Amino acid sequence: MRIGDLARETGVSRRLLRYYEEQGLLRPARLPNGYRDYGDADVAAVRHIRAMLGAGLPTSVIARLLDCVHDDGGRMVPSGCQGMAGSLRRERRRIAETIERLQTSQRALDSLLAAVTEQR
């Protein structure tokens, strides 16, 4: 299937699909005319990429973990690659630290807002 077909099948724009290819997440075959040729495995890969992005993983981590998952009836299932759990734990810690920083910022803004509203 061509890139437009993959875009329709997955709901992901052509531009994003090209970006995924640039990041090494998709590796379509090339037809003699240079067009990309995607298969069913690419449809599943795009679903997995979207799920991992939704979990907050950056594309660099997804590139390492994408081969560690497979599709089971439209559901992403981990294959248990060595180092996968460690990578996921690191990313979870990174996200937790980001949440903590954002909560600190939120509390500081709440204090400023309270001070401003008290002056009125």
N, C-alpha and C. Protein backbone atom coordinates (compact mmCIF):
# COMPACT_ATOMS: atom_id res chain seq x y z
N MET A 1 0.85 -1.17 0.00
CA MET A 1 0.00 0.00 0.00
C MET A 1 0.89 1.23 0.00
N ARG A 2 0.39 2.30 -0.54
CA ARG A 2 1.14 3.55 -0.61
C ARG A 2 0.90 4.36 0.65
N ILE A 3 1.64 5.45 0.79
CA ILE A 3 1.61 6.23 2.02
C ILE A 3 0.21 6.80 2.30
N GLY A 4 -0.52 7.20 1.25
CA GLY A 4 -1.88 7.70 1.45
C GLY A 4 -2.81 6.63 2.01
N ASP A 5 -2.62 5.41 1.54
CA ASP A 5 -3.42 4.29 2.05
C ASP A 5 -3.12 4.04 3.52
N LEU A 6 -1.83 4.08 3.87
CA LEU A 6 -1.44 3.88 5.27
C LEU A 6 -1.99 5.00 6.14
N ALA A 7 -1.94 6.21 5.63
CA ALA A 7 -2.48 7.35 6.37
C ALA A 7 -3.97 7.16 6.65
N ARG A 8 -4.71 6.75 5.64
CA ARG A 8 -6.16 6.52 5.82
C ARG A 8 -6.41 5.36 6.79
N GLU A 9 -5.64 4.31 6.65
CA GLU A 9 -5.82 3.11 7.49
C GLU A 9 -5.54 3.38 8.96
N THR A 10 -4.56 4.25 9.23
CA THR A 10 -4.12 4.48 10.61
C THR A 10 -4.62 5.80 11.20
N GLY A 11 -5.08 6.71 10.35
CA GLY A 11 -5.50 8.02 10.84
C GLY A 11 -4.33 8.93 11.15
N VAL A 12 -3.16 8.59 10.65
CA VAL A 12 -1.94 9.38 10.88
C VAL A 12 -1.59 10.09 9.57
N SER A 13 -1.24 11.35 9.66
CA SER A 13 -0.96 12.12 8.45
C SER A 13 0.27 11.59 7.71
N ARG A 14 0.32 11.87 6.43
CA ARG A 14 1.49 11.48 5.62
C ARG A 14 2.76 12.11 6.17
N ARG A 15 2.62 13.34 6.59
CA ARG A 15 3.79 14.05 7.13
C ARG A 15 4.35 13.31 8.35
N LEU A 16 3.47 12.89 9.25
CA LEU A 16 3.92 12.14 10.43
C LEU A 16 4.52 10.79 10.05
N LEU A 17 3.93 10.14 9.06
CA LEU A 17 4.48 8.86 8.61
C LEU A 17 5.90 9.04 8.07
N ARG A 18 6.12 10.12 7.33
CA ARG A 18 7.47 10.41 6.83
C ARG A 18 8.42 10.69 8.00
N TYR A 19 7.92 11.41 8.99
CA TYR A 19 8.73 11.68 10.18
C TYR A 19 9.10 10.38 10.88
N TYR A 20 8.15 9.47 11.03
CA TYR A 20 8.44 8.18 11.65
C TYR A 20 9.53 7.45 10.86
N GLU A 21 9.47 7.56 9.55
CA GLU A 21 10.51 6.93 8.73
C GLU A 21 11.86 7.60 8.97
N GLU A 22 11.88 8.93 9.03
CA GLU A 22 13.13 9.66 9.31
C GLU A 22 13.74 9.25 10.64
N GLN A 23 12.88 8.96 11.62
CA GLN A 23 13.33 8.57 12.95
C GLN A 23 13.70 7.09 13.03
N GLY A 24 13.54 6.36 11.94
CA GLY A 24 13.88 4.95 11.91
C GLY A 24 12.80 4.04 12.48
N LEU A 25 11.61 4.58 12.67
CA LEU A 25 10.52 3.80 13.24
C LEU A 25 9.80 2.96 12.19
N LEU A 26 9.74 3.47 10.98
CA LEU A 26 9.15 2.73 9.86
C LEU A 26 10.23 2.54 8.79
N ARG A 27 10.22 1.39 8.17
CA ARG A 27 11.19 1.09 7.11
C ARG A 27 10.46 0.47 5.92
N PRO A 28 9.72 1.32 5.18
CA PRO A 28 8.96 0.76 4.06
C PRO A 28 9.88 0.29 2.93
N ALA A 29 9.38 -0.68 2.19
CA ALA A 29 10.09 -1.09 0.98
C ALA A 29 9.92 0.02 -0.04
N ARG A 30 10.79 0.05 -1.01
CA ARG A 30 10.68 1.05 -2.08
C ARG A 30 10.39 0.34 -3.39
N LEU A 31 9.43 0.85 -4.10
CA LEU A 31 9.10 0.32 -5.42
C LEU A 31 10.13 0.84 -6.43
N PRO A 32 10.22 0.24 -7.61
CA PRO A 32 11.18 0.70 -8.60
C PRO A 32 11.04 2.19 -8.94
N ASN A 33 9.84 2.74 -8.83
CA ASN A 33 9.63 4.16 -9.10
C ASN A 33 9.97 5.05 -7.90
N GLY A 34 10.43 4.44 -6.80
CA GLY A 34 10.83 5.21 -5.62
C GLY A 34 9.74 5.40 -4.58
N TYR A 35 8.52 5.01 -4.91
CA TYR A 35 7.41 5.15 -3.97
C TYR A 35 7.60 4.18 -2.80
N ARG A 36 7.11 4.63 -1.65
CA ARG A 36 7.13 3.77 -0.47
C ARG A 36 6.05 2.69 -0.63
N ASP A 37 6.36 1.50 -0.15
CA ASP A 37 5.40 0.39 -0.21
C ASP A 37 5.25 -0.17 1.20
N TYR A 38 4.08 0.06 1.80
CA TYR A 38 3.82 -0.37 3.17
C TYR A 38 2.98 -1.64 3.17
N GLY A 39 3.15 -2.44 4.21
CA GLY A 39 2.39 -3.67 4.37
C GLY A 39 1.57 -3.65 5.66
N ASP A 40 0.93 -4.77 5.93
CA ASP A 40 0.10 -4.88 7.14
C ASP A 40 0.93 -4.70 8.42
N ALA A 41 2.18 -5.15 8.37
CA ALA A 41 3.04 -5.00 9.54
C ALA A 41 3.28 -3.52 9.86
N ASP A 42 3.28 -2.68 8.82
CA ASP A 42 3.46 -1.24 9.04
C ASP A 42 2.23 -0.62 9.70
N VAL A 43 1.06 -1.14 9.38
CA VAL A 43 -0.17 -0.66 10.03
C VAL A 43 -0.07 -0.94 11.53
N ALA A 44 0.34 -2.15 11.88
CA ALA A 44 0.50 -2.51 13.29
C ALA A 44 1.60 -1.66 13.92
N ALA A 45 2.70 -1.45 13.21
CA ALA A 45 3.80 -0.64 13.76
C ALA A 45 3.33 0.77 14.07
N VAL A 46 2.55 1.36 13.18
CA VAL A 46 2.04 2.72 13.43
C VAL A 46 1.15 2.72 14.67
N ARG A 47 0.32 1.71 14.83
CA ARG A 47 -0.52 1.63 16.05
C ARG A 47 0.37 1.55 17.30
N HIS A 48 1.42 0.76 17.22
CA HIS A 48 2.33 0.62 18.36
C HIS A 48 3.05 1.94 18.64
N ILE A 49 3.50 2.60 17.59
CA ILE A 49 4.18 3.89 17.75
C ILE A 49 3.24 4.88 18.43
N ARG A 50 1.99 4.95 17.98
CA ARG A 50 1.03 5.88 18.56
C ARG A 50 0.76 5.55 20.03
N ALA A 51 0.67 4.27 20.34
CA ALA A 51 0.45 3.87 21.74
C ALA A 51 1.63 4.27 22.61
N MET A 52 2.84 4.06 22.12
CA MET A 52 4.02 4.40 22.89
C MET A 52 4.18 5.92 23.03
N LEU A 53 3.86 6.66 21.97
CA LEU A 53 3.88 8.12 22.07
C LEU A 53 2.84 8.58 23.09
N GLY A 54 1.69 7.94 23.08
CA GLY A 54 0.63 8.26 24.05
C GLY A 54 1.05 7.99 25.48
N ALA A 55 1.98 7.05 25.65
CA ALA A 55 2.50 6.74 26.99
C ALA A 55 3.62 7.69 27.38
N GLY A 56 3.96 8.63 26.50
CA GLY A 56 4.97 9.62 26.82
C GLY A 56 6.38 9.26 26.42
N LEU A 57 6.55 8.19 25.66
CA LEU A 57 7.90 7.79 25.25
C LEU A 57 8.37 8.63 24.08
N PRO A 58 9.62 9.09 24.11
CA PRO A 58 10.17 9.81 22.96
C PRO A 58 10.50 8.84 21.84
N THR A 59 10.60 9.36 20.62
CA THR A 59 10.84 8.50 19.47
C THR A 59 12.16 7.75 19.57
N SER A 60 13.15 8.32 20.24
CA SER A 60 14.43 7.61 20.38
C SER A 60 14.27 6.32 21.19
N VAL A 61 13.43 6.36 22.20
CA VAL A 61 13.17 5.16 23.00
C VAL A 61 12.27 4.20 22.22
N ILE A 62 11.28 4.75 21.53
CA ILE A 62 10.39 3.91 20.72
C ILE A 62 11.21 3.14 19.68
N ALA A 63 12.20 3.79 19.09
CA ALA A 63 13.03 3.13 18.08
C ALA A 63 13.72 1.90 18.67
N ARG A 64 14.11 1.96 19.93
CA ARG A 64 14.77 0.82 20.59
C ARG A 64 13.77 -0.26 20.99
N LEU A 65 12.53 0.13 21.31
CA LEU A 65 11.57 -0.82 21.85
C LEU A 65 10.57 -1.36 20.84
N LEU A 66 10.48 -0.75 19.67
CA LEU A 66 9.44 -1.13 18.72
C LEU A 66 9.54 -2.59 18.31
N ASP A 67 10.74 -3.11 18.17
CA ASP A 67 10.89 -4.52 17.81
C ASP A 67 10.60 -5.45 18.99
N CYS A 68 10.37 -4.87 20.16
CA CYS A 68 10.10 -5.67 21.37
C CYS A 68 8.62 -5.89 21.60
N VAL A 69 7.79 -5.45 20.67
CA VAL A 69 6.35 -5.65 20.80
C VAL A 69 5.82 -6.29 19.51
N HIS A 70 4.71 -6.98 19.64
CA HIS A 70 4.05 -7.54 18.46
C HIS A 70 2.55 -7.32 18.59
N ASP A 71 1.87 -7.55 17.52
CA ASP A 71 0.43 -7.33 17.47
C ASP A 71 -0.29 -8.64 17.73
N ASP A 72 -1.28 -8.59 18.61
CA ASP A 72 -2.10 -9.77 18.89
C ASP A 72 -3.56 -9.34 18.81
N GLY A 73 -4.14 -9.52 17.65
CA GLY A 73 -5.53 -9.13 17.47
C GLY A 73 -5.77 -7.64 17.62
N GLY A 74 -4.84 -6.83 17.12
CA GLY A 74 -4.98 -5.38 17.23
C GLY A 74 -4.52 -4.82 18.56
N ARG A 75 -3.94 -5.66 19.39
CA ARG A 75 -3.47 -5.26 20.71
C ARG A 75 -1.96 -5.39 20.77
N MET A 76 -1.28 -4.39 21.32
CA MET A 76 0.16 -4.42 21.45
C MET A 76 0.56 -5.29 22.64
N VAL A 77 1.44 -6.26 22.37
CA VAL A 77 1.88 -7.19 23.41
C VAL A 77 3.41 -7.16 23.45
N PRO A 78 4.00 -6.96 24.63
CA PRO A 78 5.47 -6.98 24.72
C PRO A 78 6.02 -8.38 24.49
N SER A 79 7.14 -8.43 23.80
CA SER A 79 7.80 -9.71 23.54
C SER A 79 8.87 -10.01 24.57
N GLY A 80 9.14 -9.07 25.45
CA GLY A 80 10.10 -9.31 26.53
C GLY A 80 11.55 -9.21 26.13
N CYS A 81 11.90 -8.22 25.34
CA CYS A 81 13.30 -8.01 24.97
C CYS A 81 14.12 -7.65 26.21
N GLN A 82 15.37 -8.04 26.18
CA GLN A 82 16.27 -7.70 27.27
C GLN A 82 16.39 -6.17 27.34
N GLY A 83 16.28 -5.63 28.51
CA GLY A 83 16.42 -4.20 28.72
C GLY A 83 15.13 -3.41 28.56
N MET A 84 14.08 -4.06 28.10
CA MET A 84 12.82 -3.33 27.89
C MET A 84 12.26 -2.79 29.21
N ALA A 85 12.22 -3.63 30.22
CA ALA A 85 11.67 -3.19 31.51
C ALA A 85 12.49 -2.04 32.08
N GLY A 86 13.80 -2.12 31.97
CA GLY A 86 14.65 -1.04 32.47
C GLY A 86 14.40 0.26 31.73
N SER A 87 14.27 0.20 30.42
CA SER A 87 13.98 1.40 29.62
C SER A 87 12.64 2.01 30.03
N LEU A 88 11.65 1.16 30.23
CA LEU A 88 10.33 1.66 30.62
C LEU A 88 10.36 2.27 32.02
N ARG A 89 11.12 1.66 32.91
CA ARG A 89 11.23 2.22 34.27
C ARG A 89 11.92 3.59 34.23
N ARG A 90 12.98 3.74 33.42
CA ARG A 90 13.67 5.03 33.30
C ARG A 90 12.72 6.09 32.77
N GLU A 91 11.94 5.73 31.76
CA GLU A 91 11.01 6.70 31.19
C GLU A 91 9.91 7.06 32.18
N ARG A 92 9.47 6.10 32.96
CA ARG A 92 8.46 6.38 33.98
C ARG A 92 9.01 7.35 35.02
N ARG A 93 10.27 7.13 35.43
CA ARG A 93 10.92 8.05 36.39
C ARG A 93 11.02 9.45 35.80
N ARG A 94 11.42 9.53 34.53
CA ARG A 94 11.55 10.83 33.87
C ARG A 94 10.20 11.55 33.85
N ILE A 95 9.13 10.84 33.53
CA ILE A 95 7.81 11.45 33.50
C ILE A 95 7.37 11.87 34.90
N ALA A 96 7.64 11.03 35.90
CA ALA A 96 7.28 11.37 37.29
C ALA A 96 8.01 12.62 37.74
N GLU A 97 9.30 12.75 37.36
CA GLU A 97 10.06 13.95 37.72
C GLU A 97 9.49 15.19 37.03
N THR A 98 9.08 15.03 35.79
CA THR A 98 8.48 16.15 35.06
C THR A 98 7.17 16.56 35.72
N ILE A 99 6.37 15.59 36.11
CA ILE A 99 5.10 15.89 36.79
C ILE A 99 5.38 16.64 38.09
N GLU A 100 6.38 16.19 38.83
CA GLU A 100 6.72 16.84 40.10
C GLU A 100 7.15 18.30 39.86
N ARG A 101 7.97 18.54 38.83
CA ARG A 101 8.38 19.92 38.51
C ARG A 101 7.18 20.76 38.13
N LEU A 102 6.27 20.19 37.34
CA LEU A 102 5.08 20.93 36.94
C LEU A 102 4.17 21.24 38.13
N GLN A 103 4.07 20.30 39.06
CA GLN A 103 3.25 20.55 40.25
C GLN A 103 3.87 21.65 41.11
N THR A 104 5.20 21.68 41.19
CA THR A 104 5.88 22.75 41.92
C THR A 104 5.60 24.09 41.26
N SER A 105 5.66 24.12 39.93
CA SER A 105 5.35 25.35 39.19
C SER A 105 3.90 25.77 39.40
N GLN A 106 3.01 24.80 39.41
CA GLN A 106 1.60 25.09 39.62
C GLN A 106 1.37 25.71 41.00
N ARG A 107 2.01 25.14 42.01
CA ARG A 107 1.86 25.70 43.37
C ARG A 107 2.41 27.13 43.43
N ALA A 108 3.53 27.39 42.78
CA ALA A 108 4.09 28.74 42.77
C ALA A 108 3.14 29.70 42.07
N LEU A 109 2.57 29.28 40.95
CA LEU A 109 1.61 30.13 40.25
C LEU A 109 0.35 30.36 41.08
N ASP A 110 -0.09 29.33 41.79
CA ASP A 110 -1.26 29.48 42.66
C ASP A 110 -0.98 30.52 43.74
N SER A 111 0.22 30.51 44.29
CA SER A 111 0.60 31.50 45.32
C SER A 111 0.61 32.90 44.73
N LEU A 112 1.18 33.04 43.55
CA LEU A 112 1.20 34.36 42.90
C LEU A 112 -0.21 34.84 42.60
N LEU A 113 -1.03 33.95 42.09
CA LEU A 113 -2.41 34.30 41.76
C LEU A 113 -3.17 34.70 43.02
N ALA A 114 -2.96 33.97 44.11
CA ALA A 114 -3.62 34.31 45.37
C ALA A 114 -3.18 35.69 45.84
N ALA A 115 -1.90 35.97 45.72
CA ALA A 115 -1.39 37.28 46.15
C ALA A 115 -1.97 38.39 45.30
N VAL A 116 -2.10 38.19 44.00
CA VAL A 116 -2.66 39.19 43.11
C VAL A 116 -4.12 39.42 43.41
N THR A 117 -4.87 38.37 43.63
CA THR A 117 -6.31 38.52 43.89
C THR A 117 -6.57 39.14 45.26
N GLU A 118 -5.66 38.93 46.22
CA GLU A 118 -5.83 39.55 47.55
C GLU A 118 -5.64 41.06 47.47
N GLN A 119 -4.80 41.53 46.54
CA GLN A 119 -4.53 42.96 46.40
C GLN A 119 -5.73 43.71 45.84
N ARG A 120 -6.60 43.02 45.16
CA ARG A 120 -7.75 43.68 44.54
C ARG A 120 -8.77 43.94 45.54
